[in-house]
Amino acid sequence: MKVQNIKVLLSATLLALSIGLTTQVHAESSQTPAVSALASATYSEMTVYKSASCGCCGDWVEHMEENGFTLKVHDTNNLNSIKQKAGLTPSLASCHTAFIDGYVIEGHVPANDVKRLLAEKPAITGLAVPGMPAGANVPGMEVSPKNAEFDVLGFKEDGTVQRWNHYQ
């Protein structure tokens, strides 16, 4: 799916959610579930590995819970081995790693991107927000009143990386 189509799909989905529409959103030849189904969906438990001393990780956990996710959180000092087992390269790494429905979620990925991932079920390993962008629009990293410009990346086991979403 082209980046422009993804932006249109996300914008339409967010608009529909904000005004309570229950119509379906179409992109190219694939369909996403009804918007109302996305809004009321229940999700499998997400397992999160983070450092006990990292406040931004705790804030991201709260963001995910506020958006309907049930989390099982593990504080650990051995995040590198978890990241390596998950197939994350250093260029994709961030401060916490999560797993849900066979997907890896690395870093401060917004809940709506995870919801879209679970609805569409693409053939990727997971989503990542590399590093730690700080801004009002980055869940868990709202240390600035200004929005940050950052990408959510979809990645595959073979090392392929593609933009999933863009924020500014």
N, C-alpha and C. Protein backbone atom coordinates (compact mmCIF):
# COMPACT_ATOMS: atom_id res chain seq x y z
N MET A 1 0.85 -1.17 0.00
CA MET A 1 0.00 0.00 0.00
C MET A 1 0.89 1.23 0.00
N LYS A 2 0.60 2.18 -0.83
CA LYS A 2 1.40 3.39 -0.93
C LYS A 2 1.23 4.25 0.32
N VAL A 3 2.29 5.01 0.65
CA VAL A 3 2.28 5.87 1.83
C VAL A 3 1.11 6.84 1.78
N GLN A 4 0.84 7.42 0.60
CA GLN A 4 -0.26 8.37 0.47
C GLN A 4 -1.59 7.68 0.79
N ASN A 5 -1.77 6.44 0.33
CA ASN A 5 -3.01 5.71 0.61
C ASN A 5 -3.13 5.40 2.10
N ILE A 6 -2.00 5.10 2.73
CA ILE A 6 -2.01 4.84 4.16
C ILE A 6 -2.44 6.09 4.91
N LYS A 7 -1.89 7.25 4.50
CA LYS A 7 -2.26 8.51 5.16
C LYS A 7 -3.75 8.79 4.98
N VAL A 8 -4.28 8.56 3.79
CA VAL A 8 -5.70 8.78 3.53
C VAL A 8 -6.54 7.83 4.37
N LEU A 9 -6.13 6.58 4.44
CA LEU A 9 -6.86 5.58 5.22
C LEU A 9 -6.87 5.97 6.69
N LEU A 10 -5.71 6.34 7.23
CA LEU A 10 -5.63 6.72 8.63
C LEU A 10 -6.46 7.97 8.90
N SER A 11 -6.36 8.98 8.03
CA SER A 11 -7.13 10.20 8.21
C SER A 11 -8.63 9.91 8.19
N ALA A 12 -9.05 9.09 7.25
CA ALA A 12 -10.48 8.75 7.15
C ALA A 12 -10.94 7.97 8.38
N THR A 13 -10.10 7.06 8.86
CA THR A 13 -10.45 6.28 10.04
C THR A 13 -10.57 7.17 11.26
N LEU A 14 -9.60 8.07 11.45
CA LEU A 14 -9.64 8.97 12.60
C LEU A 14 -10.84 9.91 12.52
N LEU A 15 -11.14 10.41 11.34
CA LEU A 15 -12.30 11.28 11.17
C LEU A 15 -13.58 10.51 11.49
N ALA A 16 -13.69 9.32 10.97
CA ALA A 16 -14.88 8.51 11.22
C ALA A 16 -15.03 8.20 12.70
N LEU A 17 -13.93 7.89 13.36
CA LEU A 17 -14.00 7.63 14.80
C LEU A 17 -14.46 8.86 15.56
N SER A 18 -13.96 10.03 15.15
CA SER A 18 -14.30 11.25 15.88
C SER A 18 -15.76 11.65 15.71
N ILE A 19 -16.41 11.24 14.60
CA ILE A 19 -17.81 11.61 14.42
C ILE A 19 -18.74 10.41 14.55
N GLY A 20 -18.19 9.26 14.92
CA GLY A 20 -19.01 8.11 15.24
C GLY A 20 -19.60 7.37 14.05
N LEU A 21 -19.00 7.45 12.90
CA LEU A 21 -19.51 6.72 11.75
C LEU A 21 -19.29 5.23 11.91
N THR A 22 -20.13 4.43 11.28
CA THR A 22 -19.96 2.98 11.30
C THR A 22 -19.81 2.42 9.90
N THR A 23 -19.37 3.27 8.98
CA THR A 23 -19.17 2.83 7.62
C THR A 23 -17.82 2.13 7.50
N GLN A 24 -17.60 1.46 6.38
CA GLN A 24 -16.34 0.81 6.16
C GLN A 24 -15.42 1.70 5.35
N VAL A 25 -14.11 1.60 5.64
CA VAL A 25 -13.09 2.36 4.95
C VAL A 25 -12.38 1.41 4.00
N HIS A 26 -12.21 1.82 2.74
CA HIS A 26 -11.56 0.97 1.74
C HIS A 26 -10.24 1.60 1.30
N ALA A 27 -9.24 0.76 1.07
CA ALA A 27 -7.96 1.22 0.53
C ALA A 27 -7.51 0.22 -0.52
N GLU A 28 -7.31 0.68 -1.71
CA GLU A 28 -6.97 -0.16 -2.86
C GLU A 28 -7.92 -1.35 -2.89
N SER A 29 -7.41 -2.58 -2.95
CA SER A 29 -8.30 -3.72 -3.06
C SER A 29 -8.59 -4.37 -1.71
N SER A 30 -7.96 -3.90 -0.64
CA SER A 30 -8.20 -4.51 0.66
C SER A 30 -9.14 -3.66 1.48
N GLN A 31 -9.88 -4.32 2.37
CA GLN A 31 -10.80 -3.62 3.25
C GLN A 31 -10.29 -3.71 4.67
N THR A 32 -10.52 -2.65 5.44
CA THR A 32 -10.28 -2.72 6.88
C THR A 32 -11.61 -2.97 7.54
N PRO A 33 -11.62 -3.49 8.76
CA PRO A 33 -12.89 -3.74 9.45
C PRO A 33 -13.68 -2.44 9.64
N ALA A 34 -14.95 -2.59 9.91
CA ALA A 34 -15.79 -1.41 10.14
C ALA A 34 -15.17 -0.55 11.23
N VAL A 35 -15.28 0.75 11.06
CA VAL A 35 -14.70 1.69 12.02
C VAL A 35 -15.25 1.43 13.41
N SER A 36 -16.55 1.15 13.53
CA SER A 36 -17.13 0.90 14.85
C SER A 36 -16.51 -0.34 15.47
N ALA A 37 -16.17 -1.32 14.67
CA ALA A 37 -15.53 -2.53 15.20
C ALA A 37 -14.14 -2.21 15.73
N LEU A 38 -13.40 -1.34 15.04
CA LEU A 38 -12.08 -0.94 15.54
C LEU A 38 -12.19 -0.22 16.87
N ALA A 39 -13.20 0.63 16.98
CA ALA A 39 -13.36 1.41 18.20
C ALA A 39 -13.73 0.54 19.39
N SER A 40 -14.45 -0.54 19.16
CA SER A 40 -14.92 -1.36 20.27
C SER A 40 -14.22 -2.71 20.36
N ALA A 41 -13.18 -2.91 19.58
CA ALA A 41 -12.50 -4.20 19.54
C ALA A 41 -11.83 -4.50 20.87
N THR A 42 -11.76 -5.78 21.18
CA THR A 42 -10.97 -6.21 22.32
C THR A 42 -9.71 -6.86 21.76
N TYR A 43 -8.63 -6.72 22.49
CA TYR A 43 -7.35 -7.17 21.99
C TYR A 43 -6.75 -8.22 22.90
N SER A 44 -5.90 -9.06 22.33
CA SER A 44 -5.16 -10.02 23.11
C SER A 44 -4.27 -9.28 24.10
N GLU A 45 -3.83 -9.98 25.11
CA GLU A 45 -2.93 -9.37 26.08
C GLU A 45 -1.59 -9.05 25.42
N MET A 46 -1.10 -7.85 25.70
CA MET A 46 0.20 -7.42 25.20
C MET A 46 1.21 -7.63 26.31
N THR A 47 2.36 -8.21 25.98
CA THR A 47 3.44 -8.41 26.93
C THR A 47 4.51 -7.36 26.66
N VAL A 48 4.86 -6.60 27.69
CA VAL A 48 5.80 -5.49 27.55
C VAL A 48 7.02 -5.75 28.43
N TYR A 49 8.20 -5.53 27.85
CA TYR A 49 9.47 -5.61 28.58
C TYR A 49 10.07 -4.22 28.61
N LYS A 50 10.37 -3.75 29.83
CA LYS A 50 10.88 -2.40 29.99
C LYS A 50 11.79 -2.33 31.21
N SER A 51 12.51 -1.24 31.33
CA SER A 51 13.32 -0.98 32.50
C SER A 51 12.42 -0.43 33.60
N ALA A 52 12.64 -0.87 34.84
CA ALA A 52 11.83 -0.39 35.96
C ALA A 52 12.01 1.10 36.20
N SER A 53 13.16 1.63 35.83
CA SER A 53 13.45 3.03 36.12
C SER A 53 13.07 3.99 34.99
N CYS A 54 12.48 3.49 33.93
CA CYS A 54 12.16 4.33 32.77
C CYS A 54 10.74 4.87 32.87
N GLY A 55 10.62 6.16 33.14
CA GLY A 55 9.31 6.80 33.25
C GLY A 55 8.55 6.86 31.96
N CYS A 56 9.25 7.09 30.84
CA CYS A 56 8.54 7.19 29.56
C CYS A 56 7.93 5.85 29.17
N CYS A 57 8.57 4.74 29.55
CA CYS A 57 8.00 3.42 29.27
C CYS A 57 6.70 3.24 30.04
N GLY A 58 6.70 3.66 31.30
CA GLY A 58 5.49 3.59 32.11
C GLY A 58 4.38 4.44 31.53
N ASP A 59 4.73 5.60 31.01
CA ASP A 59 3.73 6.47 30.39
C ASP A 59 3.16 5.83 29.12
N TRP A 60 4.00 5.15 28.35
CA TRP A 60 3.52 4.46 27.14
C TRP A 60 2.58 3.32 27.53
N VAL A 61 2.92 2.59 28.59
CA VAL A 61 2.05 1.51 29.08
C VAL A 61 0.68 2.10 29.42
N GLU A 62 0.64 3.23 30.11
CA GLU A 62 -0.63 3.88 30.45
C GLU A 62 -1.40 4.27 29.19
N HIS A 63 -0.68 4.79 28.18
CA HIS A 63 -1.31 5.15 26.90
C HIS A 63 -1.99 3.93 26.29
N MET A 64 -1.32 2.81 26.29
CA MET A 64 -1.88 1.60 25.69
C MET A 64 -3.10 1.12 26.49
N GLU A 65 -3.01 1.15 27.81
CA GLU A 65 -4.15 0.74 28.64
C GLU A 65 -5.35 1.66 28.43
N GLU A 66 -5.10 2.96 28.33
CA GLU A 66 -6.17 3.93 28.09
C GLU A 66 -6.84 3.71 26.74
N ASN A 67 -6.15 3.02 25.84
CA ASN A 67 -6.68 2.75 24.50
C ASN A 67 -7.18 1.32 24.34
N GLY A 68 -7.48 0.67 25.47
CA GLY A 68 -8.16 -0.62 25.42
C GLY A 68 -7.29 -1.85 25.47
N PHE A 69 -5.99 -1.70 25.60
CA PHE A 69 -5.11 -2.86 25.64
C PHE A 69 -4.93 -3.35 27.08
N THR A 70 -4.88 -4.66 27.25
CA THR A 70 -4.54 -5.28 28.52
C THR A 70 -3.07 -5.65 28.42
N LEU A 71 -2.29 -5.24 29.41
CA LEU A 71 -0.84 -5.45 29.35
C LEU A 71 -0.33 -6.29 30.51
N LYS A 72 0.64 -7.09 30.21
CA LYS A 72 1.41 -7.81 31.21
C LYS A 72 2.81 -7.22 31.13
N VAL A 73 3.24 -6.52 32.17
CA VAL A 73 4.48 -5.76 32.13
C VAL A 73 5.56 -6.46 32.93
N HIS A 74 6.74 -6.59 32.30
CA HIS A 74 7.90 -7.19 32.95
C HIS A 74 9.01 -6.16 33.02
N ASP A 75 9.45 -5.82 34.22
CA ASP A 75 10.62 -4.96 34.38
C ASP A 75 11.86 -5.83 34.30
N THR A 76 12.83 -5.39 33.51
CA THR A 76 14.04 -6.18 33.32
C THR A 76 15.23 -5.27 33.05
N ASN A 77 16.40 -5.78 33.37
CA ASN A 77 17.64 -5.07 33.05
C ASN A 77 18.32 -5.68 31.84
N ASN A 78 17.67 -6.64 31.19
CA ASN A 78 18.27 -7.36 30.08
C ASN A 78 17.44 -7.18 28.80
N LEU A 79 17.20 -5.94 28.44
CA LEU A 79 16.40 -5.66 27.25
C LEU A 79 17.10 -6.02 25.94
N ASN A 80 18.42 -5.93 25.91
CA ASN A 80 19.12 -6.22 24.65
C ASN A 80 18.88 -7.64 24.17
N SER A 81 18.89 -8.60 25.07
CA SER A 81 18.67 -9.99 24.63
C SER A 81 17.24 -10.18 24.13
N ILE A 82 16.28 -9.49 24.73
CA ILE A 82 14.89 -9.57 24.27
C ILE A 82 14.78 -8.97 22.87
N LYS A 83 15.43 -7.83 22.65
CA LYS A 83 15.40 -7.18 21.34
C LYS A 83 16.05 -8.07 20.28
N GLN A 84 17.17 -8.70 20.62
CA GLN A 84 17.85 -9.59 19.66
C GLN A 84 16.98 -10.78 19.31
N LYS A 85 16.35 -11.39 20.31
CA LYS A 85 15.47 -12.54 20.05
C LYS A 85 14.26 -12.13 19.20
N ALA A 86 13.84 -10.87 19.33
CA ALA A 86 12.69 -10.37 18.55
C ALA A 86 13.09 -10.00 17.13
N GLY A 87 14.38 -10.04 16.81
CA GLY A 87 14.83 -9.72 15.47
C GLY A 87 15.01 -8.23 15.21
N LEU A 88 15.11 -7.46 16.29
CA LEU A 88 15.28 -6.01 16.13
C LEU A 88 16.74 -5.67 15.89
N THR A 89 16.98 -4.85 14.89
CA THR A 89 18.32 -4.36 14.63
C THR A 89 18.54 -3.10 15.48
N PRO A 90 19.79 -2.72 15.72
CA PRO A 90 20.04 -1.49 16.49
C PRO A 90 19.37 -0.25 15.88
N SER A 91 19.22 -0.21 14.56
CA SER A 91 18.59 0.96 13.93
C SER A 91 17.09 1.05 14.21
N LEU A 92 16.47 -0.03 14.67
CA LEU A 92 15.04 -0.02 15.00
C LEU A 92 14.79 0.12 16.49
N ALA A 93 15.83 -0.02 17.30
CA ALA A 93 15.67 -0.12 18.75
C ALA A 93 15.20 1.17 19.40
N SER A 94 14.49 0.97 20.50
CA SER A 94 14.03 2.04 21.36
C SER A 94 14.15 1.55 22.80
N CYS A 95 13.35 2.10 23.70
CA CYS A 95 13.55 1.79 25.12
C CYS A 95 12.74 0.60 25.64
N HIS A 96 11.65 0.22 25.01
CA HIS A 96 10.88 -0.94 25.48
C HIS A 96 10.43 -1.77 24.28
N THR A 97 10.15 -3.03 24.56
CA THR A 97 9.75 -3.98 23.52
C THR A 97 8.50 -4.70 23.98
N ALA A 98 7.52 -4.81 23.10
CA ALA A 98 6.25 -5.48 23.43
C ALA A 98 5.92 -6.51 22.37
N PHE A 99 5.05 -7.43 22.75
CA PHE A 99 4.61 -8.50 21.85
C PHE A 99 3.10 -8.65 21.98
N ILE A 100 2.43 -8.76 20.82
CA ILE A 100 0.99 -9.00 20.80
C ILE A 100 0.62 -9.73 19.51
N ASP A 101 -0.12 -10.81 19.64
CA ASP A 101 -0.62 -11.58 18.50
C ASP A 101 0.46 -11.92 17.48
N GLY A 102 1.66 -12.24 17.95
CA GLY A 102 2.74 -12.62 17.05
C GLY A 102 3.52 -11.45 16.48
N TYR A 103 3.18 -10.24 16.82
CA TYR A 103 3.88 -9.05 16.34
C TYR A 103 4.76 -8.46 17.43
N VAL A 104 5.83 -7.80 16.99
CA VAL A 104 6.73 -7.06 17.87
C VAL A 104 6.35 -5.58 17.78
N ILE A 105 6.28 -4.92 18.92
CA ILE A 105 6.01 -3.48 18.98
C ILE A 105 7.19 -2.87 19.71
N GLU A 106 7.99 -2.08 19.01
CA GLU A 106 9.21 -1.51 19.58
C GLU A 106 9.08 -0.01 19.76
N GLY A 107 9.24 0.43 20.99
CA GLY A 107 9.26 1.86 21.27
C GLY A 107 7.88 2.48 21.36
N HIS A 108 7.83 3.77 21.14
CA HIS A 108 6.65 4.59 21.41
C HIS A 108 5.65 4.60 20.25
N VAL A 109 5.25 3.42 19.83
CA VAL A 109 4.27 3.28 18.75
C VAL A 109 2.90 3.69 19.29
N PRO A 110 2.21 4.62 18.64
CA PRO A 110 0.87 5.02 19.09
C PRO A 110 -0.12 3.85 19.02
N ALA A 111 -1.07 3.86 19.95
CA ALA A 111 -2.07 2.79 20.05
C ALA A 111 -2.85 2.61 18.75
N ASN A 112 -3.18 3.70 18.06
CA ASN A 112 -3.96 3.57 16.82
C ASN A 112 -3.20 2.80 15.75
N ASP A 113 -1.87 2.91 15.74
CA ASP A 113 -1.09 2.14 14.77
C ASP A 113 -1.10 0.66 15.12
N VAL A 114 -1.07 0.34 16.40
CA VAL A 114 -1.14 -1.07 16.83
C VAL A 114 -2.52 -1.63 16.51
N LYS A 115 -3.55 -0.84 16.73
CA LYS A 115 -4.91 -1.30 16.41
C LYS A 115 -5.04 -1.59 14.91
N ARG A 116 -4.49 -0.71 14.10
CA ARG A 116 -4.54 -0.92 12.64
C ARG A 116 -3.76 -2.17 12.25
N LEU A 117 -2.60 -2.38 12.87
CA LEU A 117 -1.79 -3.57 12.62
C LEU A 117 -2.61 -4.83 12.90
N LEU A 118 -3.27 -4.86 14.05
CA LEU A 118 -4.04 -6.04 14.44
C LEU A 118 -5.28 -6.24 13.57
N ALA A 119 -5.83 -5.16 13.05
CA ALA A 119 -6.99 -5.27 12.17
C ALA A 119 -6.60 -5.75 10.78
N GLU A 120 -5.48 -5.23 10.26
CA GLU A 120 -5.06 -5.56 8.89
C GLU A 120 -4.25 -6.85 8.81
N LYS A 121 -3.55 -7.19 9.88
CA LYS A 121 -2.72 -8.40 9.94
C LYS A 121 -1.77 -8.56 8.74
N PRO A 122 -0.93 -7.55 8.49
CA PRO A 122 -0.01 -7.65 7.35
C PRO A 122 1.11 -8.66 7.63
N ALA A 123 1.77 -9.09 6.59
CA ALA A 123 2.87 -10.06 6.70
C ALA A 123 4.16 -9.32 7.06
N ILE A 124 4.21 -8.77 8.26
CA ILE A 124 5.40 -8.11 8.77
C ILE A 124 5.71 -8.66 10.16
N THR A 125 6.90 -8.39 10.64
CA THR A 125 7.30 -8.83 11.98
C THR A 125 6.72 -7.91 13.04
N GLY A 126 6.70 -6.61 12.75
CA GLY A 126 6.15 -5.69 13.74
C GLY A 126 6.32 -4.24 13.35
N LEU A 127 6.10 -3.38 14.34
CA LEU A 127 6.19 -1.93 14.17
C LEU A 127 7.22 -1.38 15.14
N ALA A 128 7.89 -0.31 14.72
CA ALA A 128 8.90 0.32 15.58
C ALA A 128 8.89 1.83 15.40
N VAL A 129 9.13 2.52 16.51
CA VAL A 129 9.47 3.93 16.49
C VAL A 129 10.90 3.97 17.05
N PRO A 130 11.89 4.01 16.15
CA PRO A 130 13.29 3.97 16.60
C PRO A 130 13.66 5.18 17.45
N GLY A 131 14.59 4.96 18.35
CA GLY A 131 15.06 6.04 19.20
C GLY A 131 13.98 6.48 20.16
N MET A 132 14.06 7.72 20.55
CA MET A 132 13.08 8.25 21.50
C MET A 132 12.68 9.67 21.11
N PRO A 133 11.87 9.83 20.04
CA PRO A 133 11.44 11.17 19.66
C PRO A 133 10.58 11.77 20.78
N ALA A 134 10.78 13.03 21.05
CA ALA A 134 10.05 13.70 22.13
C ALA A 134 9.14 14.77 21.56
N GLY A 135 7.87 14.70 21.92
CA GLY A 135 6.91 15.69 21.46
C GLY A 135 5.53 15.39 21.99
N ALA A 136 4.65 16.35 21.88
CA ALA A 136 3.29 16.22 22.40
C ALA A 136 2.51 15.08 21.74
N ASN A 137 2.91 14.68 20.54
CA ASN A 137 2.20 13.64 19.79
C ASN A 137 2.85 12.26 19.91
N VAL A 138 3.85 12.10 20.77
CA VAL A 138 4.53 10.82 20.94
C VAL A 138 4.10 10.22 22.28
N PRO A 139 3.31 9.13 22.26
CA PRO A 139 2.82 8.57 23.52
C PRO A 139 3.97 8.16 24.44
N GLY A 140 3.94 8.71 25.65
CA GLY A 140 4.98 8.44 26.63
C GLY A 140 6.13 9.43 26.59
N MET A 141 6.22 10.23 25.54
CA MET A 141 7.32 11.18 25.38
C MET A 141 6.79 12.61 25.22
N GLU A 142 5.71 12.92 25.90
CA GLU A 142 5.05 14.23 25.78
C GLU A 142 5.77 15.27 26.64
N VAL A 143 7.07 15.39 26.48
CA VAL A 143 7.87 16.31 27.31
C VAL A 143 7.96 17.70 26.71
N SER A 144 7.40 17.88 25.55
CA SER A 144 7.43 19.16 24.86
C SER A 144 6.02 19.50 24.41
N PRO A 145 5.66 20.77 24.42
CA PRO A 145 4.33 21.14 23.92
C PRO A 145 4.23 21.05 22.39
N LYS A 146 5.36 20.97 21.72
CA LYS A 146 5.38 20.89 20.26
C LYS A 146 5.34 19.43 19.82
N ASN A 147 4.72 19.18 18.67
CA ASN A 147 4.72 17.84 18.09
C ASN A 147 6.09 17.50 17.54
N ALA A 148 6.42 16.24 17.59
CA ALA A 148 7.65 15.75 16.98
C ALA A 148 7.32 15.21 15.60
N GLU A 149 8.29 15.25 14.70
CA GLU A 149 8.13 14.60 13.41
C GLU A 149 8.82 13.25 13.53
N PHE A 150 8.05 12.17 13.32
CA PHE A 150 8.62 10.83 13.43
C PHE A 150 7.84 9.85 12.59
N ASP A 151 8.48 8.73 12.31
CA ASP A 151 7.86 7.66 11.53
C ASP A 151 7.63 6.44 12.41
N VAL A 152 6.54 5.76 12.14
CA VAL A 152 6.31 4.41 12.64
C VAL A 152 6.72 3.51 11.48
N LEU A 153 7.64 2.60 11.74
CA LEU A 153 8.16 1.73 10.69
C LEU A 153 7.63 0.31 10.83
N GLY A 154 7.24 -0.27 9.71
CA GLY A 154 6.92 -1.68 9.66
C GLY A 154 8.18 -2.41 9.23
N PHE A 155 8.48 -3.53 9.89
CA PHE A 155 9.70 -4.25 9.53
C PHE A 155 9.42 -5.74 9.40
N LYS A 156 10.24 -6.37 8.56
CA LYS A 156 10.11 -7.81 8.30
C LYS A 156 11.35 -8.53 8.80
N GLU A 157 11.22 -9.82 8.93
CA GLU A 157 12.32 -10.66 9.39
C GLU A 157 13.54 -10.58 8.48
N ASP A 158 13.31 -10.35 7.18
CA ASP A 158 14.43 -10.29 6.23
C ASP A 158 15.17 -8.96 6.25
N GLY A 159 14.76 -8.04 7.17
CA GLY A 159 15.42 -6.75 7.28
C GLY A 159 14.75 -5.63 6.52
N THR A 160 13.73 -5.95 5.74
CA THR A 160 12.99 -4.93 5.01
C THR A 160 12.27 -4.00 5.98
N VAL A 161 12.40 -2.71 5.74
CA VAL A 161 11.74 -1.70 6.58
C VAL A 161 10.95 -0.78 5.66
N GLN A 162 9.73 -0.47 6.08
CA GLN A 162 8.87 0.40 5.28
C GLN A 162 8.09 1.31 6.22
N ARG A 163 7.86 2.54 5.77
CA ARG A 163 7.09 3.48 6.58
C ARG A 163 5.65 2.96 6.72
N TRP A 164 5.18 2.89 7.94
CA TRP A 164 3.80 2.47 8.26
C TRP A 164 2.93 3.72 8.45
N ASN A 165 3.52 4.73 9.10
CA ASN A 165 2.79 5.97 9.36
C ASN A 165 3.79 7.08 9.60
N HIS A 166 3.36 8.30 9.39
CA HIS A 166 4.22 9.46 9.61
C HIS A 166 3.46 10.48 10.46
N TYR A 167 4.16 11.04 11.42
CA TYR A 167 3.56 12.05 12.31
C TYR A 167 4.39 13.32 12.23
N GLN A 168 3.69 14.45 12.39
CA GLN A 168 4.38 15.75 12.48
C GLN A 168 3.58 16.73 13.29
